[in-house]
C-alpha cells in the first residue's frame, strides 16, 4: 500500500470516528437533558 492512500484512509477513518462520536454524545446529551427536565417538572408538580 502506498503512503498517500494509507494517509487518506487514515484521515477518512478519523473523520468517521469523530462524526460517530459527536452524534453519539449529542444523542446522550439530549436524552439526559430531556430526562432531567422531566424529573424537575415532576418534582415541581409534586411540591
N, C-alpha and C. Protein backbone atom coordinates (compact mmCIF):
# COMPACT_ATOMS: atom_id res chain seq x y z
N UNK A 1 0.84 -1.20 0.00
CA UNK A 1 0.00 0.00 0.00
C UNK A 1 0.88 1.25 0.00
N UNK A 2 0.56 2.20 -0.85
CA UNK A 2 1.37 3.41 -0.91
C UNK A 2 0.99 4.37 0.22
N UNK A 3 1.90 5.23 0.55
CA UNK A 3 1.71 6.12 1.69
C UNK A 3 0.51 7.07 1.53
N UNK A 4 0.34 7.74 0.38
CA UNK A 4 -0.80 8.67 0.26
C UNK A 4 -2.15 7.99 0.44
N UNK A 5 -2.31 6.78 -0.11
CA UNK A 5 -3.58 6.08 0.03
C UNK A 5 -3.83 5.75 1.50
N UNK A 6 -2.80 5.28 2.18
CA UNK A 6 -2.93 4.94 3.60
C UNK A 6 -3.27 6.18 4.42
N UNK A 7 -2.60 7.29 4.08
CA UNK A 7 -2.84 8.54 4.80
C UNK A 7 -4.28 9.00 4.61
N UNK A 8 -4.77 8.91 3.36
CA UNK A 8 -6.15 9.31 3.09
C UNK A 8 -7.15 8.43 3.82
N UNK A 9 -6.88 7.13 3.86
CA UNK A 9 -7.78 6.21 4.56
C UNK A 9 -7.78 6.51 6.06
N UNK A 10 -6.61 6.85 6.58
CA UNK A 10 -6.49 7.18 8.00
C UNK A 10 -7.31 8.42 8.33
N UNK A 11 -7.23 9.44 7.48
CA UNK A 11 -8.00 10.67 7.70
C UNK A 11 -9.49 10.37 7.61
N UNK A 12 -9.88 9.56 6.62
CA UNK A 12 -11.30 9.22 6.47
C UNK A 12 -11.81 8.49 7.71
N UNK A 13 -10.99 7.59 8.24
CA UNK A 13 -11.38 6.85 9.44
C UNK A 13 -11.51 7.79 10.64
N UNK A 14 -10.56 8.71 10.78
CA UNK A 14 -10.62 9.68 11.88
C UNK A 14 -11.88 10.53 11.78
N UNK A 15 -12.19 10.99 10.57
CA UNK A 15 -13.38 11.83 10.39
C UNK A 15 -14.64 11.03 10.72
N UNK A 16 -14.69 9.79 10.25
CA UNK A 16 -15.87 8.95 10.52
C UNK A 16 -16.03 8.72 12.02
N UNK A 17 -14.93 8.44 12.71
CA UNK A 17 -14.99 8.24 14.16
C UNK A 17 -15.43 9.51 14.86
N UNK A 18 -14.92 10.66 14.40
CA UNK A 18 -15.29 11.94 15.00
C UNK A 18 -16.78 12.21 14.85
N UNK A 19 -17.31 11.95 13.65
CA UNK A 19 -18.73 12.19 13.38
C UNK A 19 -19.59 11.25 14.23
N UNK A 20 -19.21 9.97 14.26
CA UNK A 20 -19.98 9.00 15.05
C UNK A 20 -19.96 9.36 16.53
N UNK A 21 -18.77 9.74 17.02
CA UNK A 21 -18.64 10.10 18.42
C UNK A 21 -19.47 11.34 18.74
N UNK A 22 -19.42 12.33 17.85
CA UNK A 22 -20.19 13.55 18.06
C UNK A 22 -21.68 13.29 18.08
N UNK A 23 -22.15 12.46 17.15
CA UNK A 23 -23.58 12.14 17.10
C UNK A 23 -23.98 11.38 18.36
N UNK A 24 -23.15 10.43 18.77
CA UNK A 24 -23.42 9.63 19.96
C UNK A 24 -23.52 10.52 21.20
N UNK A 25 -22.54 11.42 21.37
CA UNK A 25 -22.54 12.30 22.53
C UNK A 25 -23.73 13.25 22.49
N UNK A 26 -24.07 13.76 21.30
CA UNK A 26 -25.19 14.68 21.19
C UNK A 26 -26.50 13.97 21.56
N UNK A 27 -26.64 12.71 21.12
CA UNK A 27 -27.84 11.94 21.45
C UNK A 27 -27.93 11.72 22.96
N UNK A 28 -26.81 11.33 23.58
CA UNK A 28 -26.80 11.10 25.03
C UNK A 28 -27.10 12.40 25.77
N UNK A 29 -26.51 13.51 25.32
CA UNK A 29 -26.72 14.79 25.99
C UNK A 29 -28.18 15.22 25.88
N UNK A 30 -28.77 15.06 24.69
CA UNK A 30 -30.17 15.42 24.50
C UNK A 30 -31.08 14.57 25.37
N UNK A 31 -30.80 13.27 25.42
CA UNK A 31 -31.61 12.36 26.24
C UNK A 31 -31.48 12.72 27.71
N UNK A 32 -30.25 13.00 28.17
CA UNK A 32 -30.02 13.33 29.57
C UNK A 32 -30.72 14.63 29.95
N UNK A 33 -30.64 15.65 29.11
CA UNK A 33 -31.29 16.92 29.43
C UNK A 33 -32.80 16.76 29.43
N UNK A 34 -33.32 15.93 28.50
CA UNK A 34 -34.76 15.67 28.47
C UNK A 34 -35.20 14.97 29.75
N UNK A 35 -34.45 13.97 30.18
CA UNK A 35 -34.77 13.25 31.41
C UNK A 35 -34.70 14.18 32.62
N UNK A 36 -33.68 15.02 32.68
CA UNK A 36 -33.53 15.93 33.81
C UNK A 36 -34.68 16.93 33.86
N UNK A 37 -35.09 17.45 32.71
CA UNK A 37 -36.18 18.43 32.71
C UNK A 37 -37.49 17.77 33.11
N UNK A 38 -37.73 16.52 32.67
CA UNK A 38 -38.97 15.84 33.05
C UNK A 38 -38.95 15.51 34.54
N UNK A 39 -37.79 15.13 35.07
CA UNK A 39 -37.67 14.88 36.51
C UNK A 39 -37.92 16.15 37.30
N UNK A 40 -37.37 17.27 36.82
CA UNK A 40 -37.57 18.54 37.50
C UNK A 40 -39.04 18.94 37.47
N UNK A 41 -39.71 18.70 36.34
CA UNK A 41 -41.13 19.02 36.25
C UNK A 41 -41.94 18.18 37.23
N UNK A 42 -41.64 16.89 37.30
CA UNK A 42 -42.33 16.02 38.25
C UNK A 42 -42.12 16.52 39.68
N UNK A 43 -40.89 16.88 39.99
CA UNK A 43 -40.57 17.36 41.34
C UNK A 43 -41.32 18.64 41.66
N UNK A 44 -41.38 19.56 40.68
CA UNK A 44 -42.07 20.83 40.91
C UNK A 44 -43.58 20.62 41.05
N UNK A 45 -44.14 19.71 40.26
CA UNK A 45 -45.58 19.48 40.33
C UNK A 45 -45.96 18.78 41.63
N UNK A 46 -45.06 17.93 42.14
CA UNK A 46 -45.36 17.22 43.39
C UNK A 46 -45.41 18.19 44.55
N UNK A 47 -44.50 19.15 44.57
CA UNK A 47 -44.43 20.08 45.70
C UNK A 47 -45.59 21.08 45.69
